[in-house]
Amino acid sequence: MTVNDINMKKDPFWKTKTLNEMTHEEWESLCDGCGICCLEKLEDKETGEVRLVSISCQFLDTTDCRCMIYDHRMFLNSDCIKLSPDNLKQIRWLPHTCAYRCLHEGRELEWWHPLVSDDPNTIHQAGISIRDRVVSGQYVHHKDILNQSK
């Protein structure tokens, strides 16, 4: 085995870097496209339990499970949460399969993750994504609801 052979077999970035060390592009590529982050959530105020419902954000393309306004999501949807290495621990509703959560907890990425399979469709083929299992919601701000009831 030559030095070139060894260099060619370098581990992928998610195995050699911490979440904090990743570039913006590397961080973004961890998203597997499951769409679960974009589901509406109900929180029990007494217990703190968060339940996901089968209604997605209106900005989610439910076929490819990607945000249609991704670059502007924080401005156009005040309920959108931007994941970061600092807030992963507090976001209790992330699925066990989420790449961000897996790496944060020291686990490997699953075989169907696009970075592992080199195919963005394996997440859908494995039945992990929300494709064809949710309806698209209409974003209504709670103030709009209150104004309608007057």
Protein backbone atom coordinates (compact mmCIF):
# COMPACT_ATOMS: atom_id res chain seq x y z
CA MET A 1 0.00 0.00 0.00
CA THR A 2 1.40 3.38 -1.03
CA VAL A 3 1.07 6.75 0.72
CA ASN A 4 -1.44 7.75 -1.97
CA ASP A 5 -3.57 4.69 -1.16
CA ILE A 6 -3.63 5.67 2.51
CA ASN A 7 -4.55 9.27 1.70
CA MET A 8 -7.36 8.11 -0.59
CA LYS A 9 -8.95 6.15 2.26
CA LYS A 10 -9.32 9.10 4.62
CA ASP A 11 -12.32 9.00 6.90
CA PRO A 12 -15.21 11.28 5.92
CA PHE A 13 -15.50 14.63 7.70
CA TRP A 14 -18.31 13.53 10.04
CA LYS A 15 -16.00 10.89 11.49
CA THR A 16 -13.01 13.18 11.98
CA LYS A 17 -14.57 16.50 13.02
CA THR A 18 -16.76 17.53 15.89
CA LEU A 19 -19.99 19.32 15.07
CA ASN A 20 -18.36 22.58 16.13
CA GLU A 21 -15.41 22.03 13.77
CA MET A 22 -17.52 21.51 10.65
CA THR A 23 -17.75 24.10 7.91
CA HIS A 24 -21.14 25.56 7.10
CA GLU A 25 -21.37 23.32 4.02
CA GLU A 26 -20.46 20.20 6.01
CA TRP A 27 -23.02 21.06 8.70
CA GLU A 28 -25.74 21.61 6.12
CA SER A 29 -24.93 18.33 4.36
CA LEU A 30 -25.74 16.44 7.57
CA CYS A 31 -29.43 17.07 7.01
CA ASP A 32 -30.78 13.80 5.68
CA GLY A 33 -33.95 15.32 4.23
CA CYS A 34 -36.38 13.41 6.44
CA GLY A 35 -38.60 16.49 6.94
CA ILE A 36 -39.41 15.65 10.56
CA CYS A 37 -38.05 18.99 11.78
CA CYS A 38 -40.73 20.69 9.69
CA LEU A 39 -43.69 18.97 11.34
CA GLU A 40 -46.00 20.93 13.59
CA LYS A 41 -45.39 20.26 17.26
CA LEU A 42 -47.69 20.27 20.27
CA GLU A 43 -46.18 20.73 23.71
CA ASP A 44 -47.88 19.72 26.92
CA LYS A 45 -47.24 22.72 29.17
CA GLU A 46 -47.45 20.62 32.33
CA THR A 47 -45.14 17.74 31.35
CA GLY A 48 -43.05 19.41 28.65
CA GLU A 49 -43.73 16.43 26.37
CA VAL A 50 -43.60 17.36 22.69
CA ARG A 51 -45.69 15.49 20.14
CA LEU A 52 -45.27 15.76 16.41
CA VAL A 53 -48.39 15.90 14.29
CA SER A 54 -48.81 14.86 10.66
CA ILE A 55 -49.01 18.42 9.42
CA SER A 56 -45.93 20.02 7.93
CA CYS A 57 -44.91 23.63 7.69
CA GLN A 58 -46.48 25.20 4.63
CA PHE A 59 -43.01 25.87 3.25
CA LEU A 60 -42.01 22.21 3.15
CA ASP A 61 -42.11 20.44 -0.19
CA THR A 62 -43.61 17.18 1.06
CA THR A 63 -42.39 15.25 -1.99
CA ASP A 64 -38.67 15.92 -1.66
CA CYS A 65 -38.88 16.86 2.06
CA ARG A 66 -36.93 20.08 1.61
CA CYS A 67 -37.76 23.64 2.61
CA MET A 68 -38.86 25.78 -0.32
CA ILE A 69 -37.63 28.99 1.37
CA TYR A 70 -34.60 27.59 3.18
CA ASP A 71 -32.34 30.63 2.86
CA HIS A 72 -35.12 32.91 4.16
CA ARG A 73 -36.88 30.53 6.56
CA MET A 74 -35.90 32.34 9.74
CA PHE A 75 -37.37 35.59 8.42
CA LEU A 76 -40.53 34.16 6.79
CA ASN A 77 -41.43 31.62 9.48
CA SER A 78 -40.95 32.84 13.03
CA ASP A 79 -41.59 29.30 14.35
CA CYS A 80 -38.64 27.81 12.46
CA ILE A 81 -35.79 26.65 14.66
CA LYS A 82 -32.24 26.81 13.37
CA LEU A 83 -30.24 23.82 14.56
CA SER A 84 -26.77 24.45 15.90
CA PRO A 85 -24.23 22.48 17.92
CA ASP A 86 -25.21 24.62 20.89
CA ASN A 87 -28.95 23.93 20.86
CA LEU A 88 -29.03 20.24 19.89
CA LYS A 89 -29.22 19.08 23.49
CA GLN A 90 -32.28 21.23 24.20
CA ILE A 91 -34.27 20.09 21.17
CA ARG A 92 -35.90 16.99 22.58
CA TRP A 93 -38.13 16.22 19.60
CA LEU A 94 -35.35 15.46 17.12
CA PRO A 95 -35.81 11.88 15.96
CA HIS A 96 -33.39 9.20 17.06
CA THR A 97 -32.39 8.84 13.40
CA CYS A 98 -31.41 12.51 12.94
CA ALA A 99 -27.78 12.81 11.81
CA TYR A 100 -27.19 15.83 14.01
CA ARG A 101 -28.45 13.93 17.02
CA CYS A 102 -26.58 10.74 16.09
CA LEU A 103 -23.25 12.52 15.83
CA HIS A 104 -23.92 14.60 18.95
CA GLU A 105 -24.56 11.35 20.84
CA GLY A 106 -21.47 9.65 19.38
CA ARG A 107 -23.38 7.31 17.06
CA GLU A 108 -22.73 6.51 13.39
CA LEU A 109 -24.83 7.74 10.49
CA GLU A 110 -27.32 5.18 9.21
CA TRP A 111 -26.79 3.31 5.92
CA TRP A 112 -29.60 5.25 4.24
CA HIS A 113 -28.15 8.69 5.05
CA PRO A 114 -27.30 10.42 1.75
CA LEU A 115 -23.70 11.02 2.88
CA VAL A 116 -23.25 7.28 3.44
CA SER A 117 -25.33 5.93 0.54
CA ASP A 118 -24.39 8.72 -1.88
CA ASP A 119 -28.06 8.78 -2.91
CA PRO A 120 -30.59 11.34 -1.63
CA ASN A 121 -33.45 8.90 -2.22
CA THR A 122 -32.35 6.15 0.18
CA ILE A 123 -33.95 7.98 3.10
CA HIS A 124 -37.29 7.79 1.31
CA GLN A 125 -36.73 4.20 0.19
CA ALA A 126 -35.94 3.23 3.80
CA GLY A 127 -39.24 4.78 4.96
CA ILE A 128 -37.54 7.26 7.30
CA SER A 129 -38.80 10.46 5.69
CA ILE A 130 -42.26 11.99 5.94
CA ARG A 131 -42.79 11.73 2.17
CA ASP A 132 -46.42 10.87 1.41
CA ARG A 133 -47.27 10.61 5.13
CA VAL A 134 -48.22 14.18 6.02
CA VAL A 135 -50.33 17.04 4.80
CA SER A 136 -48.97 20.51 4.20
CA GLY A 137 -50.18 23.05 6.71
CA GLN A 138 -51.10 26.65 6.25
CA TYR A 139 -48.98 28.84 8.46
CA VAL A 140 -51.27 31.00 10.56
CA HIS A 141 -49.82 33.21 13.25
CA HIS A 142 -51.59 32.95 16.62
CA LYS A 143 -52.31 36.74 16.46
CA ASP A 144 -54.25 36.16 13.22
CA ILE A 145 -56.40 33.54 14.96
CA LEU A 146 -57.11 35.89 17.88
CA ASN A 147 -58.05 38.72 15.49
CA GLN A 148 -60.47 36.44 13.61
CA SER A 149 -62.34 35.56 16.78
CA LYS A 150 -63.15 39.21 17.61
